[in-house]
Amino acid sequence: MITPETRIRLAVPADEDALGELDRSTWSPLHAVQPAPEPPYRPFFDERHRPEDYLVAEDGTGVVVGYLRLVPATSLACNRHVRQIQGLAVAESVRGRGVARALLRAAMAEARRQGARRITLRVLGHNAPARALYASEGFAVEGVLPGEFFLDGAYVDDVLMGRSLTP
């Protein structure tokens, strides 16, 4: 389980190198629709991927071991009440210790703090571990785009999941 020393916080610009390395080291066809990153690497933060959009998990020594990107689902005023998770990564060395669950719970708390009433995400159909984690935290399948992606020689569903943030 997650240790008491593990801390979840908002990212800061100084996290860029650590987050970029974590992003590259956790790349997998289980969750990625883009090819594996190759040098030269693009910056982790840019105008669409701002530090304030990321929650960071760090261990007791301050090493970044996970992140979650939380953003408005769209720029439309009519769904300003919805936040979307657009990325979750956990270092291999701490998998199975509750870091992803802690990040999800922190994201739901942060979304509520921002005034959101719903939170959504997309997950590849073949990513059974992630789907099970999301379901265990109250996310339900709200739609499936069958065969939406052609990855590694196979068609893969895009699964839309969401949950309410209100009691």
C-alpha atoms as a PDB file:
ATOM      1  CA  MET A   1       0.000   0.000   0.000  1.00  0.00           C
ATOM      2  CA  ILE A   2       1.030   3.623  -0.399  1.00  0.00           C
ATOM      3  CA  THR A   3       3.456   4.718   2.296  1.00  0.00           C
ATOM      4  CA  PRO A   4       2.787   7.682   4.585  1.00  0.00           C
ATOM      5  CA  GLU A   5       5.821   9.389   3.057  1.00  0.00           C
ATOM      6  CA  THR A   6       4.242   9.449  -0.406  1.00  0.00           C
ATOM      7  CA  ARG A   7       2.959  12.919  -1.179  1.00  0.00           C
ATOM      8  CA  ILE A   8       0.589  14.140  -3.896  1.00  0.00           C
ATOM      9  CA  ARG A   9       1.029  17.764  -4.980  1.00  0.00           C
ATOM     10  CA  LEU A  10       0.539  20.027  -7.973  1.00  0.00           C
ATOM     11  CA  ALA A  11       3.399  19.999 -10.464  1.00  0.00           C
ATOM     12  CA  VAL A  12       5.783  22.912 -10.778  1.00  0.00           C
ATOM     13  CA  PRO A  13       7.946  23.883 -13.788  1.00  0.00           C
ATOM     14  CA  ALA A  14      11.005  22.333 -12.102  1.00  0.00           C
ATOM     15  CA  ASP A  15       9.313  18.888 -12.421  1.00  0.00           C
ATOM     16  CA  GLU A  16       9.669  18.929 -16.210  1.00  0.00           C
ATOM     17  CA  ASP A  17      12.733  16.669 -16.527  1.00  0.00           C
ATOM     18  CA  ALA A  18      11.504  14.136 -13.970  1.00  0.00           C
ATOM     19  CA  LEU A  19       8.035  13.977 -15.536  1.00  0.00           C
ATOM     20  CA  GLY A  20       9.455  13.654 -19.034  1.00  0.00           C
ATOM     21  CA  GLU A  21      11.671  10.765 -17.927  1.00  0.00           C
ATOM     22  CA  LEU A  22       8.777   9.086 -16.115  1.00  0.00           C
ATOM     23  CA  ASP A  23       6.568   9.511 -19.172  1.00  0.00           C
ATOM     24  CA  ARG A  24       9.180   7.891 -21.427  1.00  0.00           C
ATOM     25  CA  SER A  25      10.012   5.072 -19.009  1.00  0.00           C
ATOM     26  CA  THR A  26       6.358   4.092 -18.533  1.00  0.00           C
ATOM     27  CA  TRP A  27       5.396   4.135 -22.227  1.00  0.00           C
ATOM     28  CA  SER A  28       3.509   0.964 -23.133  1.00  0.00           C
ATOM     29  CA  PRO A  29       1.258  -0.207 -25.966  1.00  0.00           C
ATOM     30  CA  LEU A  30      -1.198  -1.133 -23.220  1.00  0.00           C
ATOM     31  CA  HIS A  31      -2.138   2.526 -22.796  1.00  0.00           C
ATOM     32  CA  ALA A  32      -0.420   4.606 -25.497  1.00  0.00           C
ATOM     33  CA  VAL A  33      -1.867   5.461 -28.891  1.00  0.00           C
ATOM     34  CA  GLN A  34       1.278   7.309 -30.000  1.00  0.00           C
ATOM     35  CA  PRO A  35       4.504   5.527 -30.967  1.00  0.00           C
ATOM     36  CA  ALA A  36       7.200   5.124 -28.317  1.00  0.00           C
ATOM     37  CA  PRO A  37       9.042   8.417 -27.779  1.00  0.00           C
ATOM     38  CA  GLU A  38      12.432   8.774 -29.437  1.00  0.00           C
ATOM     39  CA  PRO A  39      15.094  11.470 -29.196  1.00  0.00           C
ATOM     40  CA  PRO A  40      15.018  14.352 -29.568  1.00  0.00           C
ATOM     41  CA  TYR A  41      12.309  14.407 -26.902  1.00  0.00           C
ATOM     42  CA  ARG A  42       9.707  17.149 -26.909  1.00  0.00           C
ATOM     43  CA  PRO A  43       9.329  19.255 -23.771  1.00  0.00           C
ATOM     44  CA  PHE A  44       6.945  17.721 -21.237  1.00  0.00           C
ATOM     45  CA  PHE A  45       5.282  21.067 -20.567  1.00  0.00           C
ATOM     46  CA  ASP A  46       3.960  23.304 -23.349  1.00  0.00           C
ATOM     47  CA  GLU A  47       1.044  25.684 -23.898  1.00  0.00           C
ATOM     48  CA  ARG A  48      -1.443  22.777 -23.802  1.00  0.00           C
ATOM     49  CA  HIS A  49       0.299  20.785 -21.048  1.00  0.00           C
ATOM     50  CA  ARG A  50       0.846  23.213 -18.189  1.00  0.00           C
ATOM     51  CA  PRO A  51       2.349  22.332 -14.798  1.00  0.00           C
ATOM     52  CA  GLU A  52      -0.868  23.316 -13.011  1.00  0.00           C
ATOM     53  CA  ASP A  53      -2.721  20.581 -14.957  1.00  0.00           C
ATOM     54  CA  TYR A  54      -0.680  17.821 -13.305  1.00  0.00           C
ATOM     55  CA  LEU A  55      -0.804  16.140  -9.942  1.00  0.00           C
ATOM     56  CA  VAL A  56       2.530  14.589  -9.001  1.00  0.00           C
ATOM     57  CA  ALA A  57       3.218  11.708  -6.622  1.00  0.00           C
ATOM     58  CA  GLU A  58       6.602  11.760  -4.945  1.00  0.00           C
ATOM     59  CA  ASP A  59       8.132   9.300  -2.537  1.00  0.00           C
ATOM     60  CA  GLY A  60       9.540  10.142   0.876  1.00  0.00           C
ATOM     61  CA  THR A  61      12.837  11.253  -0.655  1.00  0.00           C
ATOM     62  CA  GLY A  62      11.190  13.667  -3.095  1.00  0.00           C
ATOM     63  CA  VAL A  63      11.580  11.433  -6.173  1.00  0.00           C
ATOM     64  CA  VAL A  64       8.699  11.750  -8.650  1.00  0.00           C
ATOM     65  CA  VAL A  65       7.008   8.336  -8.943  1.00  0.00           C
ATOM     66  CA  GLY A  66       3.752   9.200 -10.681  1.00  0.00           C
ATOM     67  CA  TYR A  67       1.588  11.823 -12.303  1.00  0.00           C
ATOM     68  CA  LEU A  68      -1.973  12.437 -13.414  1.00  0.00           C
ATOM     69  CA  ARG A  69      -3.132  15.115 -15.861  1.00  0.00           C
ATOM     70  CA  LEU A  70      -6.482  16.723 -14.962  1.00  0.00           C
ATOM     71  CA  VAL A  71      -8.038  19.277 -17.325  1.00  0.00           C
ATOM     72  CA  PRO A  72     -11.433  20.675 -18.324  1.00  0.00           C
ATOM     73  CA  ALA A  73     -13.128  18.210 -20.676  1.00  0.00           C
ATOM     74  CA  THR A  74     -13.641  20.953 -23.288  1.00  0.00           C
ATOM     75  CA  SER A  75     -13.383  24.725 -23.525  1.00  0.00           C
ATOM     76  CA  LEU A  76     -17.190  25.051 -23.683  1.00  0.00           C
ATOM     77  CA  ALA A  77     -18.897  27.004 -20.914  1.00  0.00           C
ATOM     78  CA  CYS A  78     -21.803  24.536 -20.898  1.00  0.00           C
ATOM     79  CA  ASN A  79     -19.605  21.724 -19.582  1.00  0.00           C
ATOM     80  CA  ARG A  80     -17.284  23.696 -17.365  1.00  0.00           C
ATOM     81  CA  HIS A  81     -18.503  21.385 -14.563  1.00  0.00           C
ATOM     82  CA  VAL A  82     -16.617  18.388 -16.054  1.00  0.00           C
ATOM     83  CA  ARG A  83     -12.951  17.520 -15.583  1.00  0.00           C
ATOM     84  CA  GLN A  84     -11.154  14.862 -17.591  1.00  0.00           C
ATOM     85  CA  ILE A  85      -8.184  12.717 -16.711  1.00  0.00           C
ATOM     86  CA  GLN A  86      -5.859  12.783 -19.717  1.00  0.00           C
ATOM     87  CA  GLY A  87      -2.909  10.745 -18.570  1.00  0.00           C
ATOM     88  CA  LEU A  88      -1.811   8.693 -15.596  1.00  0.00           C
ATOM     89  CA  ALA A  89       1.627   7.159 -15.131  1.00  0.00           C
ATOM     90  CA  VAL A  90       3.290   5.359 -12.223  1.00  0.00           C
ATOM     91  CA  ALA A  91       6.926   4.288 -12.040  1.00  0.00           C
ATOM     92  CA  GLU A  92       7.433   0.539 -12.374  1.00  0.00           C
ATOM     93  CA  SER A  93       9.335   0.506  -9.068  1.00  0.00           C
ATOM     94  CA  VAL A  94       6.234   1.499  -7.070  1.00  0.00           C
ATOM     95  CA  ARG A  95       3.444  -0.213  -9.004  1.00  0.00           C
ATOM     96  CA  GLY A  96       1.012  -2.134  -6.861  1.00  0.00           C
ATOM     97  CA  ARG A  97       1.550   0.163  -3.877  1.00  0.00           C
ATOM     98  CA  GLY A  98      -1.508   2.371  -4.307  1.00  0.00           C
ATOM     99  CA  VAL A  99       0.128   5.326  -6.060  1.00  0.00           C
ATOM    100  CA  ALA A 100      -2.329   5.320  -8.987  1.00  0.00           C
ATOM    101  CA  ARG A 101      -5.277   5.050  -6.590  1.00  0.00           C
ATOM    102  CA  ALA A 102      -3.901   7.931  -4.503  1.00  0.00           C
ATOM    103  CA  LEU A 103      -3.510  10.045  -7.645  1.00  0.00           C
ATOM    104  CA  LEU A 104      -7.084   9.233  -8.731  1.00  0.00           C
ATOM    105  CA  ARG A 105      -8.475  10.186  -5.329  1.00  0.00           C
ATOM    106  CA  ALA A 106      -6.422  13.384  -5.287  1.00  0.00           C
ATOM    107  CA  ALA A 107      -7.711  14.195  -8.797  1.00  0.00           C
ATOM    108  CA  MET A 108     -11.304  13.765  -7.681  1.00  0.00           C
ATOM    109  CA  ALA A 109     -10.669  16.038  -4.691  1.00  0.00           C
ATOM    110  CA  GLU A 110      -8.957  18.623  -6.906  1.00  0.00           C
ATOM    111  CA  ALA A 111     -11.796  18.469  -9.451  1.00  0.00           C
ATOM    112  CA  ARG A 112     -14.309  19.071  -6.657  1.00  0.00           C
ATOM    113  CA  ARG A 113     -12.177  21.970  -5.374  1.00  0.00           C
ATOM    114  CA  GLN A 114     -12.349  23.446  -8.886  1.00  0.00           C
ATOM    115  CA  GLY A 115     -16.158  23.187  -8.796  1.00  0.00           C
ATOM    116  CA  ALA A 116     -16.519  20.118 -11.020  1.00  0.00           C
ATOM    117  CA  ARG A 117     -19.528  17.833 -10.664  1.00  0.00           C
ATOM    118  CA  ARG A 118     -18.274  15.061 -12.999  1.00  0.00           C
ATOM    119  CA  ILE A 119     -14.988  13.489 -13.939  1.00  0.00           C
ATOM    120  CA  THR A 120     -14.329  11.453 -17.077  1.00  0.00           C
ATOM    121  CA  LEU A 121     -11.520   9.581 -18.787  1.00  0.00           C
ATOM    122  CA  ARG A 122     -10.738   7.414 -21.775  1.00  0.00           C
ATOM    123  CA  VAL A 123      -8.960   4.079 -21.515  1.00  0.00           C
ATOM    124  CA  LEU A 124      -7.994   1.521 -24.114  1.00  0.00           C
ATOM    125  CA  GLY A 125     -10.249  -1.532 -24.080  1.00  0.00           C
ATOM    126  CA  HIS A 126      -7.375  -3.967 -23.679  1.00  0.00           C
ATOM    127  CA  ASN A 127      -6.015  -2.201 -20.576  1.00  0.00           C
ATOM    128  CA  ALA A 128      -7.766  -4.457 -18.047  1.00  0.00           C
ATOM    129  CA  PRO A 129      -5.699  -3.372 -15.000  1.00  0.00           C
ATOM    130  CA  ALA A 130      -6.513   0.320 -15.534  1.00  0.00           C
ATOM    131  CA  ARG A 131     -10.180  -0.398 -16.219  1.00  0.00           C
ATOM    132  CA  ALA A 132     -10.409  -2.435 -13.004  1.00  0.00           C
ATOM    133  CA  LEU A 133      -8.771   0.347 -10.999  1.00  0.00           C
ATOM    134  CA  TYR A 134     -11.130   2.981 -12.402  1.00  0.00           C
ATOM    135  CA  ALA A 135     -14.176   0.779 -11.762  1.00  0.00           C
ATOM    136  CA  SER A 136     -13.040   0.196  -8.162  1.00  0.00           C
ATOM    137  CA  GLU A 137     -12.997   3.988  -7.688  1.00  0.00           C
ATOM    138  CA  GLY A 138     -16.573   4.396  -8.924  1.00  0.00           C
ATOM    139  CA  PHE A 139     -16.007   5.036 -12.632  1.00  0.00           C
ATOM    140  CA  ALA A 140     -18.529   3.362 -14.942  1.00  0.00           C
ATOM    141  CA  VAL A 141     -18.307   2.631 -18.641  1.00  0.00           C
ATOM    142  CA  GLU A 142     -20.377   5.305 -20.356  1.00  0.00           C
ATOM    143  CA  GLY A 143     -19.539   4.448 -23.931  1.00  0.00           C
ATOM    144  CA  VAL A 144     -17.337   2.377 -26.181  1.00  0.00           C
ATOM    145  CA  LEU A 145     -15.910   3.356 -29.546  1.00  0.00           C
ATOM    146  CA  PRO A 146     -15.325  -0.098 -31.049  1.00  0.00           C
ATOM    147  CA  GLY A 147     -12.075  -0.549 -32.946  1.00  0.00           C
ATOM    148  CA  GLU A 148     -11.245   3.145 -32.616  1.00  0.00           C
ATOM    149  CA  PHE A 149      -7.486   2.565 -32.759  1.00  0.00           C
ATOM    150  CA  PHE A 150      -5.314   0.230 -34.823  1.00  0.00           C
ATOM    151  CA  LEU A 151      -2.415  -0.566 -32.513  1.00  0.00           C
ATOM    152  CA  ASP A 152       0.295  -3.146 -32.916  1.00  0.00           C
ATOM    153  CA  GLY A 153      -1.654  -4.991 -35.621  1.00  0.00           C
ATOM    154  CA  ALA A 154      -5.018  -5.089 -33.813  1.00  0.00           C
ATOM    155  CA  TYR A 155      -8.104  -2.921 -33.542  1.00  0.00           C
ATOM    156  CA  VAL A 156      -8.604  -1.650 -29.998  1.00  0.00           C
ATOM    157  CA  ASP A 157     -11.703  -0.112 -28.413  1.00  0.00           C
ATOM    158  CA  ASP A 158     -11.658   3.332 -26.842  1.00  0.00           C
ATOM    159  CA  VAL A 159     -13.633   3.053 -23.599  1.00  0.00           C
ATOM    160  CA  LEU A 160     -15.208   6.181 -22.119  1.00  0.00           C
ATOM    161  CA  MET A 161     -15.648   6.117 -18.345  1.00  0.00           C
ATOM    162  CA  GLY A 162     -16.977   8.656 -15.898  1.00  0.00           C
ATOM    163  CA  ARG A 163     -18.437   9.249 -12.482  1.00  0.00           C
ATOM    164  CA  SER A 164     -20.276  11.867 -10.521  1.00  0.00           C
ATOM    165  CA  LEU A 165     -18.398  13.939  -7.966  1.00  0.00           C
ATOM    166  CA  THR A 166     -21.536  14.886  -6.053  1.00  0.00           C
ATOM    167  CA  PRO A 167     -22.996  12.871  -3.164  1.00  0.00           C
END
